[in-house]
Amino acid sequence: MYLSVKETAELLAVSEIKVKNLILQNQIRAIFDGNDYLINREQFNTHFKQVEKYKKFVEEVWSEPIPEDLDIKDED
């Protein structure tokens, strides 16, 4: 399935100008049909899988309890 620049910008939550710049820098593969660029959606699957893995990792880190510091001495 192909996406337009506008749809890709919405998918990635960036501006259309940013998407066009990424296309021109060959960071996003696209086909120019004479009027606009068409971007294959499948190329983002790996990116979104990595983002999900990172989100889960961050949630796990944040949910870990803070260990009690054994060097703290009780001062009276």
PDB file of N, CA and C in Angstrom:
ATOM      1  N   MET A   1       0.846  -1.180   0.000  1.00  0.00           N
ATOM      2  CA  MET A   1       0.000   0.000   0.000  1.00  0.00           C
ATOM      3  C   MET A   1       0.895   1.248   0.000  1.00  0.00           C
ATOM      4  N   TYR A   2       0.558   2.173  -0.831  1.00  0.00           N
ATOM      5  CA  TYR A   2       1.337   3.409  -0.935  1.00  0.00           C
ATOM      6  C   TYR A   2       0.638   4.552  -0.207  1.00  0.00           C
ATOM      7  N   LEU A   3       1.443   5.424   0.361  1.00  0.00           N
ATOM      8  CA  LEU A   3       0.950   6.582   1.082  1.00  0.00           C
ATOM      9  C   LEU A   3       1.419   7.852   0.379  1.00  0.00           C
ATOM     10  N   SER A   4       0.635   8.903   0.524  1.00  0.00           N
ATOM     11  CA  SER A   4       1.067  10.210   0.022  1.00  0.00           C
ATOM     12  C   SER A   4       2.006  10.835   1.055  1.00  0.00           C
ATOM     13  N   VAL A   5       2.601  11.945   0.701  1.00  0.00           N
ATOM     14  CA  VAL A   5       3.478  12.661   1.626  1.00  0.00           C
ATOM     15  C   VAL A   5       2.686  13.090   2.853  1.00  0.00           C
ATOM     16  N   LYS A   6       1.476  13.570   2.642  1.00  0.00           N
ATOM     17  CA  LYS A   6       0.638  14.028   3.756  1.00  0.00           C
ATOM     18  C   LYS A   6       0.308  12.866   4.696  1.00  0.00           C
ATOM     19  N   GLU A   7      -0.076  11.727   4.141  1.00  0.00           N
ATOM     20  CA  GLU A   7      -0.410  10.561   4.966  1.00  0.00           C
ATOM     21  C   GLU A   7       0.814  10.059   5.725  1.00  0.00           C
ATOM     22  N   THR A   8       1.960  10.092   5.074  1.00  0.00           N
ATOM     23  CA  THR A   8       3.199   9.665   5.726  1.00  0.00           C
ATOM     24  C   THR A   8       3.554  10.606   6.866  1.00  0.00           C
ATOM     25  N   ALA A   9       3.375  11.897   6.654  1.00  0.00           N
ATOM     26  CA  ALA A   9       3.648  12.882   7.703  1.00  0.00           C
ATOM     27  C   ALA A   9       2.747  12.634   8.915  1.00  0.00           C
ATOM     28  N   GLU A  10       1.489  12.331   8.674  1.00  0.00           N
ATOM     29  CA  GLU A  10       0.569  12.032   9.774  1.00  0.00           C
ATOM     30  C   GLU A  10       0.973  10.745  10.486  1.00  0.00           C
ATOM     31  N   LEU A  11       1.376   9.741   9.722  1.00  0.00           N
ATOM     32  CA  LEU A  11       1.783   8.465  10.293  1.00  0.00           C
ATOM     33  C   LEU A  11       3.004   8.619  11.188  1.00  0.00           C
ATOM     34  N   LEU A  12       3.965   9.415  10.749  1.00  0.00           N
ATOM     35  CA  LEU A  12       5.204   9.611  11.494  1.00  0.00           C
ATOM     36  C   LEU A  12       5.140  10.770  12.489  1.00  0.00           C
ATOM     37  N   ALA A  13       4.049  11.512  12.474  1.00  0.00           N
ATOM     38  CA  ALA A  13       3.855  12.666  13.355  1.00  0.00           C
ATOM     39  C   ALA A  13       4.938  13.728  13.136  1.00  0.00           C
ATOM     40  N   VAL A  14       5.198  14.017  11.861  1.00  0.00           N
ATOM     41  CA  VAL A  14       6.136  15.080  11.486  1.00  0.00           C
ATOM     42  C   VAL A  14       5.472  15.924  10.398  1.00  0.00           C
ATOM     43  N   SER A  15       6.123  17.005  10.019  1.00  0.00           N
ATOM     44  CA  SER A  15       5.558  17.869   8.986  1.00  0.00           C
ATOM     45  C   SER A  15       5.792  17.279   7.589  1.00  0.00           C
ATOM     46  N   GLU A  16       5.003  17.750   6.627  1.00  0.00           N
ATOM     47  CA  GLU A  16       5.159  17.303   5.242  1.00  0.00           C
ATOM     48  C   GLU A  16       6.519  17.725   4.691  1.00  0.00           C
ATOM     49  N   ILE A  17       6.992  18.884   5.102  1.00  0.00           N
ATOM     50  CA  ILE A  17       8.304  19.364   4.659  1.00  0.00           C
ATOM     51  C   ILE A  17       9.400  18.418   5.142  1.00  0.00           C
ATOM     52  N   LYS A  18       9.282  17.947   6.371  1.00  0.00           N
ATOM     53  CA  LYS A  18      10.258  17.004   6.919  1.00  0.00           C
ATOM     54  C   LYS A  18      10.261  15.708   6.105  1.00  0.00           C
ATOM     55  N   VAL A  19       9.075  15.208   5.741  1.00  0.00           N
ATOM     56  CA  VAL A  19       8.981  13.987   4.945  1.00  0.00           C
ATOM     57  C   VAL A  19       9.645  14.196   3.585  1.00  0.00           C
ATOM     58  N   LYS A  20       9.364  15.327   2.937  1.00  0.00           N
ATOM     59  CA  LYS A  20       9.982  15.599   1.636  1.00  0.00           C
ATOM     60  C   LYS A  20      11.502  15.698   1.751  1.00  0.00           C
ATOM     61  N   ASN A  21      11.983  16.329   2.821  1.00  0.00           N
ATOM     62  CA  ASN A  21      13.423  16.417   3.031  1.00  0.00           C
ATOM     63  C   ASN A  21      14.038  15.033   3.229  1.00  0.00           C
ATOM     64  N   LEU A  22      13.351  14.162   3.976  1.00  0.00           N
ATOM     65  CA  LEU A  22      13.843  12.802   4.188  1.00  0.00           C
ATOM     66  C   LEU A  22      13.870  12.022   2.880  1.00  0.00           C
ATOM     67  N   ILE A  23      12.902  12.263   2.018  1.00  0.00           N
ATOM     68  CA  ILE A  23      12.873  11.613   0.701  1.00  0.00           C
ATOM     69  C   ILE A  23      14.062  12.092  -0.134  1.00  0.00           C
ATOM     70  N   LEU A  24      14.284  13.400  -0.139  1.00  0.00           N
ATOM     71  CA  LEU A  24      15.384  13.965  -0.925  1.00  0.00           C
ATOM     72  C   LEU A  24      16.753  13.534  -0.401  1.00  0.00           C
ATOM     73  N   GLN A  25      16.829  13.220   0.895  1.00  0.00           N
ATOM     74  CA  GLN A  25      18.074  12.751   1.497  1.00  0.00           C
ATOM     75  C   GLN A  25      18.200  11.226   1.419  1.00  0.00           C
ATOM     76  N   ASN A  26      17.267  10.588   0.720  1.00  0.00           N
ATOM     77  CA  ASN A  26      17.233   9.122   0.556  1.00  0.00           C
ATOM     78  C   ASN A  26      17.103   8.364   1.868  1.00  0.00           C
ATOM     79  N   GLN A  27      16.483   8.976   2.863  1.00  0.00           N
ATOM     80  CA  GLN A  27      16.229   8.288   4.119  1.00  0.00           C
ATOM     81  C   GLN A  27      14.865   7.607   4.111  1.00  0.00           C
ATOM     82  N   ILE A  28      13.998   8.053   3.217  1.00  0.00           N
ATOM     83  CA  ILE A  28      12.711   7.397   2.974  1.00  0.00           C
ATOM     84  C   ILE A  28      12.666   7.079   1.487  1.00  0.00           C
ATOM     85  N   ARG A  29      12.389   5.822   1.165  1.00  0.00           N
ATOM     86  CA  ARG A  29      12.287   5.430  -0.243  1.00  0.00           C
ATOM     87  C   ARG A  29      10.918   5.846  -0.774  1.00  0.00           C
ATOM     88  N   ALA A  30      10.896   6.434  -1.949  1.00  0.00           N
ATOM     89  CA  ALA A  30       9.647   6.906  -2.539  1.00  0.00           C
ATOM     90  C   ALA A  30       9.720   6.827  -4.054  1.00  0.00           C
ATOM     91  N   ILE A  31       8.552   6.822  -4.653  1.00  0.00           N
ATOM     92  CA  ILE A  31       8.418   6.829  -6.107  1.00  0.00           C
ATOM     93  C   ILE A  31       7.763   8.147  -6.484  1.00  0.00           C
ATOM     94  N   PHE A  32       8.303   8.812  -7.481  1.00  0.00           N
ATOM     95  CA  PHE A  32       7.688  10.050  -7.963  1.00  0.00           C
ATOM     96  C   PHE A  32       6.832   9.703  -9.174  1.00  0.00           C
ATOM     97  N   ASP A  33       5.515   9.958  -9.082  1.00  0.00           N
ATOM     98  CA  ASP A  33       4.593   9.588 -10.167  1.00  0.00           C
ATOM     99  C   ASP A  33       4.334  10.718 -11.152  1.00  0.00           C
ATOM    100  N   GLY A  34       5.116  11.782 -11.080  1.00  0.00           N
ATOM    101  CA  GLY A  34       4.930  12.917 -11.965  1.00  0.00           C
ATOM    102  C   GLY A  34       4.259  14.083 -11.280  1.00  0.00           C
ATOM    103  N   ASN A  35       3.451  13.785 -10.264  1.00  0.00           N
ATOM    104  CA  ASN A  35       2.775  14.838  -9.496  1.00  0.00           C
ATOM    105  C   ASN A  35       3.259  14.896  -8.055  1.00  0.00           C
ATOM    106  N   ASP A  36       3.369  13.743  -7.443  1.00  0.00           N
ATOM    107  CA  ASP A  36       3.708  13.684  -6.025  1.00  0.00           C
ATOM    108  C   ASP A  36       4.498  12.415  -5.750  1.00  0.00           C
ATOM    109  N   TYR A  37       5.062  12.340  -4.563  1.00  0.00           N
ATOM    110  CA  TYR A  37       5.795  11.150  -4.149  1.00  0.00           C
ATOM    111  C   TYR A  37       4.822  10.134  -3.551  1.00  0.00           C
ATOM    112  N   LEU A  38       5.077   8.867  -3.836  1.00  0.00           N
ATOM    113  CA  LEU A  38       4.333   7.768  -3.240  1.00  0.00           C
ATOM    114  C   LEU A  38       5.308   6.963  -2.397  1.00  0.00           C
ATOM    115  N   ILE A  39       4.915   6.689  -1.155  1.00  0.00           N
ATOM    116  CA  ILE A  39       5.791   6.029  -0.204  1.00  0.00           C
ATOM    117  C   ILE A  39       5.167   4.703   0.193  1.00  0.00           C
ATOM    118  N   ASN A  40       5.964   3.635   0.104  1.00  0.00           N
ATOM    119  CA  ASN A  40       5.498   2.311   0.496  1.00  0.00           C
ATOM    120  C   ASN A  40       5.440   2.231   2.019  1.00  0.00           C
ATOM    121  N   ARG A  41       4.277   1.905   2.552  1.00  0.00           N
ATOM    122  CA  ARG A  41       4.070   1.868   3.998  1.00  0.00           C
ATOM    123  C   ARG A  41       4.883   0.765   4.678  1.00  0.00           C
ATOM    124  N   GLU A  42       5.152  -0.304   3.966  1.00  0.00           N
ATOM    125  CA  GLU A  42       5.841  -1.458   4.547  1.00  0.00           C
ATOM    126  C   GLU A  42       7.235  -1.124   5.068  1.00  0.00           C
ATOM    127  N   GLN A  43       7.880  -0.098   4.525  1.00  0.00           N
ATOM    128  CA  GLN A  43       9.231   0.227   4.962  1.00  0.00           C
ATOM    129  C   GLN A  43       9.270   0.752   6.394  1.00  0.00           C
ATOM    130  N   PHE A  44       8.114   1.107   6.954  1.00  0.00           N
ATOM    131  CA  PHE A  44       8.070   1.633   8.320  1.00  0.00           C
ATOM    132  C   PHE A  44       7.757   0.568   9.360  1.00  0.00           C
ATOM    133  N   ASN A  45       7.442  -0.655   8.922  1.00  0.00           N
ATOM    134  CA  ASN A  45       7.084  -1.714   9.876  1.00  0.00           C
ATOM    135  C   ASN A  45       8.195  -1.975  10.883  1.00  0.00           C
ATOM    136  N   THR A  46       9.430  -2.080  10.420  1.00  0.00           N
ATOM    137  CA  THR A  46      10.545  -2.327  11.324  1.00  0.00           C
ATOM    138  C   THR A  46      10.706  -1.177  12.299  1.00  0.00           C
ATOM    139  N   HIS A  47      10.563   0.034  11.809  1.00  0.00           N
ATOM    140  CA  HIS A  47      10.681   1.216  12.669  1.00  0.00           C
ATOM    141  C   HIS A  47       9.656   1.167  13.794  1.00  0.00           C
ATOM    142  N   PHE A  48       8.399   0.880  13.452  1.00  0.00           N
ATOM    143  CA  PHE A  48       7.357   0.867  14.473  1.00  0.00           C
ATOM    144  C   PHE A  48       7.525  -0.304  15.442  1.00  0.00           C
ATOM    145  N   LYS A  49       8.046  -1.431  14.965  1.00  0.00           N
ATOM    146  CA  LYS A  49       8.327  -2.553  15.868  1.00  0.00           C
ATOM    147  C   LYS A  49       9.411  -2.162  16.870  1.00  0.00           C
ATOM    148  N   GLN A  50      10.442  -1.488  16.400  1.00  0.00           N
ATOM    149  CA  GLN A  50      11.512  -1.047  17.288  1.00  0.00           C
ATOM    150  C   GLN A  50      11.005  -0.020  18.307  1.00  0.00           C
ATOM    151  N   VAL A  51      10.145   0.866  17.870  1.00  0.00           N
ATOM    152  CA  VAL A  51       9.573   1.867  18.784  1.00  0.00           C
ATOM    153  C   VAL A  51       8.768   1.173  19.874  1.00  0.00           C
ATOM    154  N   GLU A  52       7.978   0.166  19.507  1.00  0.00           N
ATOM    155  CA  GLU A  52       7.182  -0.567  20.497  1.00  0.00           C
ATOM    156  C   GLU A  52       8.080  -1.296  21.493  1.00  0.00           C
ATOM    157  N   LYS A  53       9.161  -1.919  21.006  1.00  0.00           N
ATOM    158  CA  LYS A  53      10.092  -2.603  21.899  1.00  0.00           C
ATOM    159  C   LYS A  53      10.712  -1.605  22.876  1.00  0.00           C
ATOM    160  N   TYR A  54      11.090  -0.435  22.369  1.00  0.00           N
ATOM    161  CA  TYR A  54      11.702   0.582  23.215  1.00  0.00           C
ATOM    162  C   TYR A  54      10.712   1.086  24.269  1.00  0.00           C
ATOM    163  N   LYS A  55       9.453   1.281  23.866  1.00  0.00           N
ATOM    164  CA  LYS A  55       8.430   1.720  24.825  1.00  0.00           C
ATOM    165  C   LYS A  55       8.257   0.701  25.942  1.00  0.00           C
ATOM    166  N   LYS A  56       8.215  -0.587  25.591  1.00  0.00           N
ATOM    167  CA  LYS A  56       8.074  -1.638  26.604  1.00  0.00           C
ATOM    168  C   LYS A  56       9.286  -1.648  27.539  1.00  0.00           C
ATOM    169  N   PHE A  57      10.482  -1.495  26.961  1.00  0.00           N
ATOM    170  CA  PHE A  57      11.686  -1.466  27.778  1.00  0.00           C
ATOM    171  C   PHE A  57      11.653  -0.303  28.765  1.00  0.00           C
ATOM    172  N   VAL A  58      11.279   0.867  28.293  1.00  0.00           N
ATOM    173  CA  VAL A  58      11.217   2.046  29.160  1.00  0.00           C
ATOM    174  C   VAL A  58      10.175   1.842  30.265  1.00  0.00           C
ATOM    175  N   GLU A  59       9.024   1.264  29.924  1.00  0.00           N
ATOM    176  CA  GLU A  59       7.999   0.997  30.934  1.00  0.00           C
ATOM    177  C   GLU A  59       8.512   0.025  31.994  1.00  0.00           C
ATOM    178  N   GLU A  60       9.260  -1.002  31.564  1.00  0.00           N
ATOM    179  CA  GLU A  60       9.824  -1.957  32.521  1.00  0.00           C
ATOM    180  C   GLU A  60      10.822  -1.279  33.446  1.00  0.00           C
ATOM    181  N   VAL A  61      11.666  -0.435  32.876  1.00  0.00           N
ATOM    182  CA  VAL A  61      12.667   0.264  33.691  1.00  0.00           C
ATOM    183  C   VAL A  61      11.985   1.172  34.700  1.00  0.00           C
ATOM    184  N   TRP A  62      10.975   1.896  34.267  1.00  0.00           N
ATOM    185  CA  TRP A  62      10.285   2.821  35.163  1.00  0.00           C
ATOM    186  C   TRP A  62       9.469   2.095  36.231  1.00  0.00           C
ATOM    187  N   SER A  63       9.036   0.880  35.952  1.00  0.00           N
ATOM    188  CA  SER A  63       8.215   0.160  36.931  1.00  0.00           C
ATOM    189  C   SER A  63       9.051  -0.623  37.943  1.00  0.00           C
ATOM    190  N   GLU A  64      10.366  -0.731  37.722  1.00  0.00           N
ATOM    191  CA  GLU A  64      11.226  -1.415  38.686  1.00  0.00           C
ATOM    192  C   GLU A  64      11.306  -0.610  39.974  1.00  0.00           C
ATOM    193  N   PRO A  65      11.213  -1.299  41.104  1.00  0.00           N
ATOM    194  CA  PRO A  65      11.348  -0.563  42.371  1.00  0.00           C
ATOM    195  C   PRO A  65      12.797  -0.105  42.587  1.00  0.00           C
ATOM    196  N   ILE A  66      12.941   0.996  43.260  1.00  0.00           N
ATOM    197  CA  ILE A  66      14.273   1.515  43.553  1.00  0.00           C
ATOM    198  C   ILE A  66      14.827   0.710  44.726  1.00  0.00           C
ATOM    199  N   PRO A  67      16.013   0.128  44.559  1.00  0.00           N
ATOM    200  CA  PRO A  67      16.569  -0.671  45.651  1.00  0.00           C
ATOM    201  C   PRO A  67      16.944   0.206  46.843  1.00  0.00           C
ATOM    202  N   GLU A  68      16.811  -0.379  48.001  1.00  0.00           N
ATOM    203  CA  GLU A  68      17.141   0.353  49.216  1.00  0.00           C
ATOM    204  C   GLU A  68      18.652   0.474  49.322  1.00  0.00           C
ATOM    205  N   ASP A  69      19.134   1.648  49.677  1.00  0.00           N
ATOM    206  CA  ASP A  69      20.567   1.888  49.776  1.00  0.00           C
ATOM    207  C   ASP A  69      21.072   1.324  51.099  1.00  0.00           C
ATOM    208  N   LEU A  70      21.984   0.390  51.042  1.00  0.00           N
ATOM    209  CA  LEU A  70      22.498  -0.260  52.236  1.00  0.00           C
ATOM    210  C   LEU A  70      23.510   0.615  52.989  1.00  0.00           C
ATOM    211  N   ASP A  71      24.020   1.644  52.346  1.00  0.00           N
ATOM    212  CA  ASP A  71      25.026   2.498  52.982  1.00  0.00           C
ATOM    213  C   ASP A  71      24.416   3.598  53.850  1.00  0.00           C
ATOM    214  N   ILE A  72      23.122   3.722  53.844  1.00  0.00           N
ATOM    215  CA  ILE A  72      22.494   4.768  54.657  1.00  0.00           C
ATOM    216  C   ILE A  72      22.508   4.330  56.113  1.00  0.00           C
ATOM    217  N   LYS A  73      23.022   5.199  56.951  1.00  0.00           N
ATOM    218  CA  LYS A  73      23.089   4.880  58.388  1.00  0.00           C
ATOM    219  C   LYS A  73      22.024   5.678  59.109  1.00  0.00           C
ATOM    220  N   ASP A  74      21.461   5.046  60.061  1.00  0.00           N
ATOM    221  CA  ASP A  74      20.420   5.685  60.849  1.00  0.00           C
ATOM    222  C   ASP A  74      21.051   6.636  61.846  1.00  0.00           C
ATOM    223  N   GLU A  75      20.792   7.921  61.679  1.00  0.00           N
ATOM    224  CA  GLU A  75      21.368   8.911  62.582  1.00  0.00           C
ATOM    225  C   GLU A  75      20.317   9.365  63.569  1.00  0.00           C
ATOM    226  N   ASP A  76      20.688   9.260  64.834  1.00  0.00           N
ATOM    227  CA  ASP A  76      19.760   9.705  65.891  1.00  0.00           C
ATOM    228  C   ASP A  76      20.275  10.917  66.587  1.00  0.00           C
TER     229      ASP A  76
END
